[in-house]
Amino acid sequence: MIPRELRERLGLSQGPVDVEADGADLRVRPLADDILVEDDGWLVIPATGSAITDDDVRTLRDADQR
């Protein structure tokens, strides 16, 4: 079980995930659909879930560096 505060901070919602062991760490990633959308000539995975701001990215990056 992943604590609610962490799920909310990372934008994780209920659904299937991929769990991978990396040394003493576990990586948990939501499984992405195989759906790709063409955007200006590029194939991209459509956005889902909650929006993330520059401040959110900075906070997550800084937390991982501690």
N, C-alpha and C. Protein backbone atom coordinates (compact mmCIF):
# COMPACT_ATOMS: atom_id res chain seq x y z
N MET A 1 0.85 -1.17 0.00
CA MET A 1 0.00 0.00 0.00
C MET A 1 0.90 1.23 0.00
N ILE A 2 0.55 2.20 -0.83
CA ILE A 2 1.30 3.45 -0.91
C ILE A 2 0.52 4.52 -0.13
N PRO A 3 1.17 5.22 0.79
CA PRO A 3 0.47 6.23 1.59
C PRO A 3 -0.24 7.27 0.72
N ARG A 4 -1.40 7.71 1.17
CA ARG A 4 -2.24 8.65 0.42
C ARG A 4 -1.48 9.93 0.04
N GLU A 5 -0.74 10.49 1.01
CA GLU A 5 -0.02 11.74 0.75
C GLU A 5 0.95 11.58 -0.43
N LEU A 6 1.65 10.46 -0.48
CA LEU A 6 2.58 10.20 -1.57
C LEU A 6 1.85 9.98 -2.89
N ARG A 7 0.75 9.21 -2.85
CA ARG A 7 -0.05 8.99 -4.07
C ARG A 7 -0.55 10.30 -4.64
N GLU A 8 -1.05 11.17 -3.76
CA GLU A 8 -1.59 12.45 -4.21
C GLU A 8 -0.48 13.34 -4.77
N ARG A 9 0.67 13.35 -4.11
CA ARG A 9 1.78 14.17 -4.56
C ARG A 9 2.27 13.75 -5.94
N LEU A 10 2.25 12.44 -6.21
CA LEU A 10 2.74 11.91 -7.48
C LEU A 10 1.65 11.76 -8.53
N GLY A 11 0.40 12.00 -8.13
CA GLY A 11 -0.70 11.88 -9.09
C GLY A 11 -1.05 10.44 -9.42
N LEU A 12 -0.74 9.51 -8.52
CA LEU A 12 -1.09 8.10 -8.75
C LEU A 12 -2.55 7.87 -8.40
N SER A 13 -3.24 7.13 -9.23
CA SER A 13 -4.63 6.80 -8.96
C SER A 13 -4.78 5.28 -9.00
N GLN A 14 -5.95 4.82 -8.61
CA GLN A 14 -6.21 3.39 -8.57
C GLN A 14 -6.10 2.82 -9.97
N GLY A 15 -5.48 1.68 -10.08
CA GLY A 15 -5.34 1.02 -11.37
C GLY A 15 -4.10 0.15 -11.40
N PRO A 16 -3.89 -0.52 -12.52
CA PRO A 16 -2.74 -1.43 -12.61
C PRO A 16 -1.42 -0.66 -12.63
N VAL A 17 -0.40 -1.25 -12.00
CA VAL A 17 0.92 -0.64 -11.95
C VAL A 17 1.99 -1.67 -12.31
N ASP A 18 3.15 -1.17 -12.66
CA ASP A 18 4.32 -2.00 -12.90
C ASP A 18 5.25 -1.78 -11.71
N VAL A 19 5.68 -2.86 -11.07
CA VAL A 19 6.58 -2.77 -9.92
C VAL A 19 7.90 -3.41 -10.32
N GLU A 20 9.00 -2.66 -10.13
CA GLU A 20 10.31 -3.13 -10.54
C GLU A 20 11.29 -2.95 -9.38
N ALA A 21 12.07 -3.98 -9.10
CA ALA A 21 13.11 -3.90 -8.07
C ALA A 21 14.34 -3.26 -8.68
N ASP A 22 14.92 -2.30 -7.95
CA ASP A 22 16.13 -1.60 -8.38
C ASP A 22 17.05 -1.52 -7.18
N GLY A 23 17.87 -2.54 -6.99
CA GLY A 23 18.70 -2.62 -5.79
C GLY A 23 17.80 -2.78 -4.58
N ALA A 24 17.92 -1.86 -3.60
CA ALA A 24 17.09 -1.90 -2.41
C ALA A 24 15.82 -1.07 -2.59
N ASP A 25 15.61 -0.51 -3.78
CA ASP A 25 14.44 0.34 -4.06
C ASP A 25 13.40 -0.41 -4.88
N LEU A 26 12.18 0.05 -4.77
CA LEU A 26 11.10 -0.42 -5.63
C LEU A 26 10.62 0.75 -6.47
N ARG A 27 10.41 0.51 -7.75
CA ARG A 27 9.85 1.53 -8.64
C ARG A 27 8.43 1.10 -8.99
N VAL A 28 7.50 2.01 -8.76
CA VAL A 28 6.09 1.73 -9.05
C VAL A 28 5.64 2.74 -10.10
N ARG A 29 5.18 2.23 -11.24
CA ARG A 29 4.73 3.10 -12.33
C ARG A 29 3.36 2.65 -12.80
N PRO A 30 2.47 3.62 -13.04
CA PRO A 30 1.18 3.24 -13.62
C PRO A 30 1.41 2.65 -15.01
N LEU A 31 0.65 1.64 -15.35
CA LEU A 31 0.76 1.06 -16.69
C LEU A 31 0.10 2.00 -17.69
N ALA A 32 0.80 2.30 -18.75
CA ALA A 32 0.28 3.19 -19.79
C ALA A 32 -0.47 2.37 -20.83
N ASP A 33 -1.49 2.97 -21.39
CA ASP A 33 -2.18 2.34 -22.51
C ASP A 33 -1.25 2.31 -23.72
N ASP A 34 -1.58 1.48 -24.67
CA ASP A 34 -0.80 1.42 -25.90
C ASP A 34 -1.26 2.46 -26.91
N ILE A 35 -2.09 3.39 -26.46
CA ILE A 35 -2.65 4.38 -27.37
C ILE A 35 -1.63 5.50 -27.59
N LEU A 36 -1.32 5.78 -28.85
CA LEU A 36 -0.47 6.89 -29.22
C LEU A 36 -1.28 7.84 -30.09
N VAL A 37 -1.00 9.11 -29.94
CA VAL A 37 -1.70 10.14 -30.70
C VAL A 37 -0.65 10.94 -31.46
N GLU A 38 -0.95 11.27 -32.72
CA GLU A 38 -0.02 12.09 -33.49
C GLU A 38 -0.27 13.55 -33.16
N ASP A 39 0.81 14.25 -32.80
CA ASP A 39 0.73 15.66 -32.43
C ASP A 39 1.84 16.40 -33.18
N ASP A 40 1.45 17.14 -34.18
CA ASP A 40 2.41 17.91 -34.97
C ASP A 40 3.52 17.03 -35.53
N GLY A 41 3.14 15.84 -36.02
CA GLY A 41 4.10 14.93 -36.63
C GLY A 41 4.82 14.02 -35.65
N TRP A 42 4.55 14.15 -34.35
CA TRP A 42 5.18 13.32 -33.32
C TRP A 42 4.15 12.37 -32.74
N LEU A 43 4.55 11.13 -32.48
CA LEU A 43 3.68 10.20 -31.77
C LEU A 43 3.90 10.40 -30.27
N VAL A 44 2.81 10.69 -29.55
CA VAL A 44 2.90 10.96 -28.12
C VAL A 44 1.87 10.13 -27.37
N ILE A 45 2.13 9.90 -26.11
CA ILE A 45 1.16 9.24 -25.23
C ILE A 45 0.25 10.34 -24.70
N PRO A 46 -1.06 10.19 -24.87
CA PRO A 46 -1.97 11.24 -24.39
C PRO A 46 -1.87 11.44 -22.88
N ALA A 47 -2.01 12.68 -22.46
CA ALA A 47 -1.95 13.02 -21.04
C ALA A 47 -3.17 12.47 -20.32
N THR A 48 -2.96 11.99 -19.10
CA THR A 48 -4.05 11.53 -18.25
C THR A 48 -3.76 11.95 -16.83
N GLY A 49 -4.75 11.88 -15.98
CA GLY A 49 -4.54 12.19 -14.57
C GLY A 49 -4.53 13.68 -14.32
N SER A 50 -3.89 14.07 -13.22
CA SER A 50 -3.89 15.47 -12.84
C SER A 50 -2.75 16.22 -13.53
N ALA A 51 -2.97 17.50 -13.72
CA ALA A 51 -1.95 18.36 -14.33
C ALA A 51 -0.81 18.55 -13.34
N ILE A 52 0.39 18.75 -13.86
CA ILE A 52 1.55 18.97 -13.01
C ILE A 52 2.20 20.29 -13.43
N THR A 53 2.53 21.10 -12.45
CA THR A 53 3.09 22.42 -12.72
C THR A 53 4.62 22.37 -12.63
N ASP A 54 5.26 23.46 -13.04
CA ASP A 54 6.71 23.56 -12.91
C ASP A 54 7.13 23.44 -11.45
N ASP A 55 6.35 24.05 -10.56
CA ASP A 55 6.66 23.96 -9.13
C ASP A 55 6.56 22.52 -8.62
N ASP A 56 5.56 21.76 -9.12
CA ASP A 56 5.44 20.35 -8.74
C ASP A 56 6.68 19.57 -9.16
N VAL A 57 7.12 19.79 -10.39
CA VAL A 57 8.31 19.09 -10.90
C VAL A 57 9.53 19.46 -10.06
N ARG A 58 9.69 20.73 -9.76
CA ARG A 58 10.82 21.20 -8.96
C ARG A 58 10.80 20.56 -7.57
N THR A 59 9.63 20.51 -6.96
CA THR A 59 9.49 19.91 -5.63
C THR A 59 9.85 18.43 -5.65
N LEU A 60 9.36 17.71 -6.65
CA LEU A 60 9.66 16.28 -6.77
C LEU A 60 11.16 16.06 -7.02
N ARG A 61 11.74 16.89 -7.89
CA ARG A 61 13.16 16.76 -8.20
C ARG A 61 14.01 17.03 -6.97
N ASP A 62 13.67 18.11 -6.24
CA ASP A 62 14.41 18.45 -5.03
C ASP A 62 14.28 17.38 -3.95
N ALA A 63 13.11 16.79 -3.82
CA ALA A 63 12.89 15.75 -2.81
C ALA A 63 13.74 14.52 -3.12
N ASP A 64 13.92 14.20 -4.42
CA ASP A 64 14.72 13.04 -4.79
C ASP A 64 16.21 13.27 -4.58
N GLN A 65 16.64 14.52 -4.49
CA GLN A 65 18.06 14.81 -4.35
C GLN A 65 18.51 14.83 -2.90
N ARG A 66 17.55 14.73 -1.98
CA ARG A 66 17.89 14.75 -0.55
C ARG A 66 18.21 13.39 -0.03
